[in-house]
Protein backbone atom coordinates (compact mmCIF):
# COMPACT_ATOMS: atom_id res chain seq x y z
CA MET A 1 107.84 -18.05 -34.68
CA ASP A 2 107.62 -15.51 -31.88
CA GLY A 3 110.52 -15.03 -29.49
CA GLU A 4 110.58 -14.06 -25.84
CA PRO A 5 108.25 -11.32 -24.55
CA ASP A 6 109.74 -7.83 -24.81
CA VAL A 7 109.21 -6.46 -21.30
CA SER A 8 110.82 -3.17 -22.31
CA VAL A 9 107.60 -2.14 -24.11
CA PRO A 10 105.33 -1.99 -21.04
CA ALA A 11 108.28 -0.91 -18.90
CA ARG A 12 108.87 2.17 -21.06
CA ALA A 13 105.15 2.95 -21.11
CA LEU A 14 104.96 2.85 -17.32
CA GLY A 15 108.34 4.53 -16.85
CA ASP A 16 106.87 7.94 -16.14
CA SER A 17 105.40 9.10 -12.85
CA ALA A 18 102.23 10.52 -14.41
CA ARG A 19 101.60 7.40 -16.50
CA GLY A 20 102.17 5.25 -13.43
CA LEU A 21 99.52 7.25 -11.57
CA ILE A 22 97.10 6.89 -14.46
CA ALA A 23 97.61 3.12 -14.68
CA SER A 24 97.23 2.70 -10.90
CA ALA A 25 94.05 4.78 -10.92
CA LEU A 26 92.52 2.37 -13.46
CA LEU A 27 93.06 -0.66 -11.25
CA GLY A 28 89.86 -2.09 -9.85
CA ASN A 29 88.26 -2.36 -13.30
CA ARG A 30 87.56 1.37 -13.21
CA GLN A 31 86.61 3.39 -16.27
CA ILE A 32 87.67 7.02 -16.00
CA PRO A 33 87.48 9.95 -18.45
CA ALA A 34 90.64 11.72 -19.56
CA GLY A 35 89.89 14.89 -17.60
CA GLU A 36 89.69 13.02 -14.32
CA LEU A 37 92.87 11.08 -15.12
CA ALA A 38 94.64 14.38 -15.81
CA ARG A 39 93.61 15.60 -12.36
CA ILE A 40 94.78 12.37 -10.71
CA ALA A 41 98.15 12.54 -12.49
CA GLY A 42 98.56 16.26 -11.80
CA VAL A 43 99.07 17.19 -15.46
CA SER A 44 97.27 19.30 -18.04
CA PRO A 45 94.58 17.70 -20.25
CA SER A 46 96.86 17.92 -23.30
CA THR A 47 99.71 16.19 -21.44
CA ALA A 48 97.33 13.54 -20.14
CA SER A 49 96.23 12.89 -23.72
CA GLU A 50 99.86 12.26 -24.71
CA HIS A 51 100.35 9.87 -21.78
CA LEU A 52 97.16 7.99 -22.63
CA HIS A 53 98.36 7.62 -26.22
CA VAL A 54 101.60 6.03 -24.98
CA LEU A 55 99.75 3.62 -22.69
CA MET A 56 97.36 2.63 -25.48
CA GLY A 57 100.27 2.11 -27.87
CA ALA A 58 101.79 -0.37 -25.42
CA GLY A 59 98.50 -2.26 -25.17
CA LEU A 60 98.04 -1.44 -21.50
CA ILE A 61 94.78 0.51 -21.72
CA GLU A 62 91.69 0.70 -23.92
CA VAL A 63 89.18 3.46 -24.58
CA GLU A 64 85.41 3.35 -25.01
CA ASN A 65 83.48 6.15 -26.68
CA ARG A 66 80.17 7.06 -25.07
CA GLY A 67 78.69 9.88 -27.02
CA ARG A 68 81.06 12.82 -26.64
CA ASN A 69 82.88 11.21 -23.72
CA ARG A 70 85.83 8.83 -23.84
CA PHE A 71 86.36 6.47 -20.92
CA TYR A 72 89.67 4.69 -20.34
CA ARG A 73 90.24 1.32 -18.68
CA LEU A 74 92.99 -1.27 -18.32
CA ALA A 75 93.16 -3.65 -21.26
CA ASN A 76 92.67 -6.85 -19.27
CA GLU A 77 93.25 -8.68 -16.01
CA ASP A 78 96.84 -9.57 -16.94
CA VAL A 79 97.70 -5.87 -17.06
CA ALA A 80 96.06 -5.29 -13.68
CA ARG A 81 97.94 -8.21 -12.15
CA ALA A 82 101.24 -6.96 -13.55
CA ILE A 83 100.71 -3.45 -12.19
CA GLU A 84 99.71 -4.76 -8.76
CA ALA A 85 102.87 -6.91 -8.74
CA LEU A 86 105.01 -3.90 -9.68
CA GLN A 87 103.48 -1.98 -6.79
CA ALA A 88 104.69 -4.72 -4.44
CA VAL A 89 108.32 -4.03 -5.39
CA SER A 90 108.03 -0.25 -5.75
CA PRO A 91 108.97 2.39 -3.18
CA THR A 92 106.01 4.11 -1.57
CA ARG A 93 105.13 7.70 -2.39
CA GLN A 94 105.49 10.32 0.29
CA VAL A 95 102.15 11.31 1.79
CA ARG A 96 101.79 15.09 1.74
CA SER A 97 98.23 15.69 2.90
CA LEU A 98 95.53 14.31 5.19
CA ARG A 99 93.51 13.34 2.10
CA GLN A 100 96.40 11.28 0.71
CA SER A 101 96.89 9.65 4.10
CA THR A 102 93.21 8.70 4.31
CA ILE A 103 93.14 7.27 0.78
CA SER A 104 96.34 5.28 1.43
CA ALA A 105 94.89 3.76 4.60
CA ASP A 106 91.62 2.95 2.81
CA LEU A 107 93.47 1.23 -0.04
CA ARG A 108 95.52 -0.91 2.32
CA SER A 109 92.37 -1.92 4.18
CA ALA A 110 90.32 -3.00 1.17
CA ARG A 111 90.39 -2.23 -2.53
CA THR A 112 89.51 -3.67 -5.89
CA CYS A 113 92.19 -5.18 -8.12
CA TYR A 114 90.62 -5.44 -11.58
CA ASP A 115 87.38 -7.30 -10.65
CA HIS A 116 88.38 -8.91 -7.36
CA LEU A 117 89.29 -7.91 -3.81
CA ALA A 118 92.73 -6.90 -2.59
CA GLY A 119 94.19 -5.41 0.56
CA ASP A 120 93.58 -6.70 4.07
CA LEU A 121 90.00 -7.66 3.21
CA GLY A 122 91.03 -9.49 0.05
CA LEU A 123 93.54 -11.52 2.04
CA ARG A 124 90.94 -12.31 4.71
CA PHE A 125 88.66 -13.79 2.07
CA THR A 126 91.55 -15.59 0.39
CA ASP A 127 92.27 -17.31 3.71
CA LEU A 128 88.58 -18.26 3.95
CA LEU A 129 88.63 -19.79 0.47
CA VAL A 130 91.76 -21.81 1.25
CA ALA A 131 90.31 -23.05 4.55
CA ALA A 132 87.11 -24.16 2.80
CA GLY A 133 89.07 -26.13 0.18
CA ILE A 134 87.77 -23.95 -2.66
CA THR A 135 91.34 -23.17 -3.71
CA PRO A 136 94.76 -24.42 -2.60
CA THR A 137 97.26 -22.06 -1.01
CA LEU A 138 98.01 -19.61 -3.78
CA THR A 139 101.37 -18.90 -5.41
CA VAL A 140 102.01 -15.76 -7.43
CA GLY A 141 101.50 -16.34 -11.14
CA ILE A 142 100.32 -19.96 -10.76
CA VAL A 143 96.78 -20.77 -11.90
CA ALA A 144 94.72 -23.07 -9.68
CA ASN A 145 91.86 -25.19 -11.01
CA ALA A 146 88.55 -25.64 -9.22
CA PRO A 147 88.43 -28.70 -6.94
CA GLN A 148 86.60 -31.75 -8.23
CA PRO A 149 83.96 -32.46 -7.14
CA PHE A 150 83.04 -28.86 -6.38
CA PRO A 151 82.95 -28.46 -2.57
CA HIS A 152 79.94 -27.72 -0.41
CA GLY A 153 79.69 -26.21 3.04
CA VAL A 154 78.69 -23.05 4.84
CA ILE A 155 81.32 -20.82 3.21
CA VAL A 156 80.51 -22.00 -0.33
CA GLU A 157 76.76 -21.70 0.24
CA THR A 158 76.90 -18.36 2.05
CA LEU A 159 78.99 -16.82 -0.72
CA GLY A 160 76.88 -18.52 -3.39
CA LEU A 161 79.98 -19.78 -5.17
CA ARG A 162 79.43 -21.76 -8.37
CA ALA A 163 81.57 -24.05 -10.49
CA PRO A 164 83.78 -22.37 -13.10
CA GLU A 165 82.46 -21.49 -16.55
CA GLY A 166 84.24 -20.60 -19.76
CA ARG A 167 87.97 -20.40 -20.39
CA ARG A 168 88.98 -17.84 -17.77
CA PRO A 169 91.24 -19.40 -15.09
CA TRP A 170 89.39 -20.46 -11.95
CA THR A 171 91.80 -18.58 -9.72
CA GLY A 172 95.43 -17.62 -9.36
CA GLY A 173 97.78 -15.86 -6.99
CA CYS A 174 97.82 -12.10 -7.55
CA LEU A 175 100.58 -10.48 -5.50
CA ASP A 176 99.05 -8.05 -3.02
CA TRP A 177 101.32 -4.98 -2.77
CA SER A 178 100.17 -4.05 0.73
CA GLY A 179 99.92 -7.56 2.21
CA ARG A 180 103.03 -8.88 0.41
CA ARG A 181 101.38 -12.23 -0.34
CA PRO A 182 98.93 -13.49 -2.97
CA HIS A 183 95.22 -12.78 -2.96
CA ALA A 184 92.66 -14.71 -5.05
CA GLY A 185 91.90 -13.48 -8.56
CA GLY A 186 90.32 -15.16 -11.58
CA GLN A 187 86.72 -16.36 -11.68
CA LEU A 188 86.74 -17.16 -7.98
CA GLY A 189 87.91 -13.72 -6.90
CA ALA A 190 85.38 -12.07 -9.22
CA GLN A 191 82.55 -14.19 -7.80
CA VAL A 192 83.44 -13.20 -4.25
CA LEU A 193 83.44 -9.47 -5.00
CA GLU A 194 80.19 -9.81 -6.96
CA VAL A 195 78.47 -11.51 -4.02
CA LEU A 196 79.81 -9.04 -1.46
CA GLU A 197 78.50 -6.10 -3.47
CA ALA A 198 75.15 -7.77 -4.18
CA ASN A 199 74.66 -8.45 -0.45
CA ASN A 200 75.73 -4.93 0.52
CA TRP A 201 78.66 -6.33 2.50
CA VAL A 202 81.03 -3.85 0.88
CA ALA A 203 80.57 -0.35 -0.48
CA ARG A 204 82.81 1.36 -3.01
CA MET A 205 84.47 4.63 -2.05
CA ALA A 206 83.90 7.61 -4.31
CA THR A 207 87.45 8.99 -4.15
CA SER A 208 89.46 5.88 -5.11
CA ARG A 209 89.23 2.15 -5.82
CA ALA A 210 89.02 1.48 -2.10
CA VAL A 211 86.01 -0.37 -0.74
CA ARG A 212 84.60 -0.29 2.76
CA LEU A 213 83.34 -3.31 4.68
CA THR A 214 79.85 -2.40 5.94
CA PRO A 215 78.68 -3.34 9.47
CA ARG A 216 76.55 -6.05 7.90
CA GLY A 217 79.57 -7.27 5.96
CA GLU A 218 81.82 -7.27 9.03
CA GLU A 219 79.32 -9.40 10.92
CA ALA A 220 79.01 -11.85 8.03
CA THR A 221 82.79 -12.03 7.52
CA ARG A 222 83.42 -12.73 11.20
CA SER A 223 80.82 -15.51 11.06
CA LEU A 224 82.53 -17.06 8.03
CA GLU A 225 85.91 -16.82 9.76
CA ALA A 226 84.47 -18.66 12.76
CA ASP A 227 83.26 -21.40 10.41
CA ALA A 228 86.69 -21.55 8.78
CA SER A 229 88.34 -21.91 12.17
CA THR A 230 86.06 -24.88 12.87
CA ILE A 231 87.12 -26.48 9.56
CA ILE A 232 90.82 -25.98 10.33
CA HIS A 233 90.62 -27.44 13.82
CA SER A 234 88.24 -30.31 13.06
């Protein structure tokens, strides 16, 4: 019989500044080669290889071989959620350049967390989903099931949301490190990000896991928020 989880294993793996940078860079379901991760962490390729070995040994990351290239990614959504939660209780890094300042502001505004939205934009859409009755008010670490019967309405139809499939949790509260409250993850969060990208409402930034709300997306989001306000006050 297994005992309690040994949190010291992932804690030791993440207990290095360079490995923390590598793990954070892989949030947003990103797949990044070792050379780029070495640049992000500010270490040599050989040192990055050692750090990646430690993270793989702890089960935090996986690697995929594509020809001569090796791409690294987080092992699963649970790892992403744990890292995002750690960020919420971690001290912030000192910003030392205009580039770092810009990236930090972009990440706080909108970013991906594994395969769903986080940041100010993620919280805006979480509030929309709660107002539409698609999910209850979220609590960190608590899984929420889809409402039965599945709701209808402008927000559901505009976002093209569909009933849950498979065994993945419908949604759950993922602690947002910048907003200090939960945003929606799980199938629901993934559906929202998928629709926003398909409709060109958001665009991914090349320099980080930040995303940008397009003018078209801002107009659509404001319209949905107006509909949500009608639901709340009706």
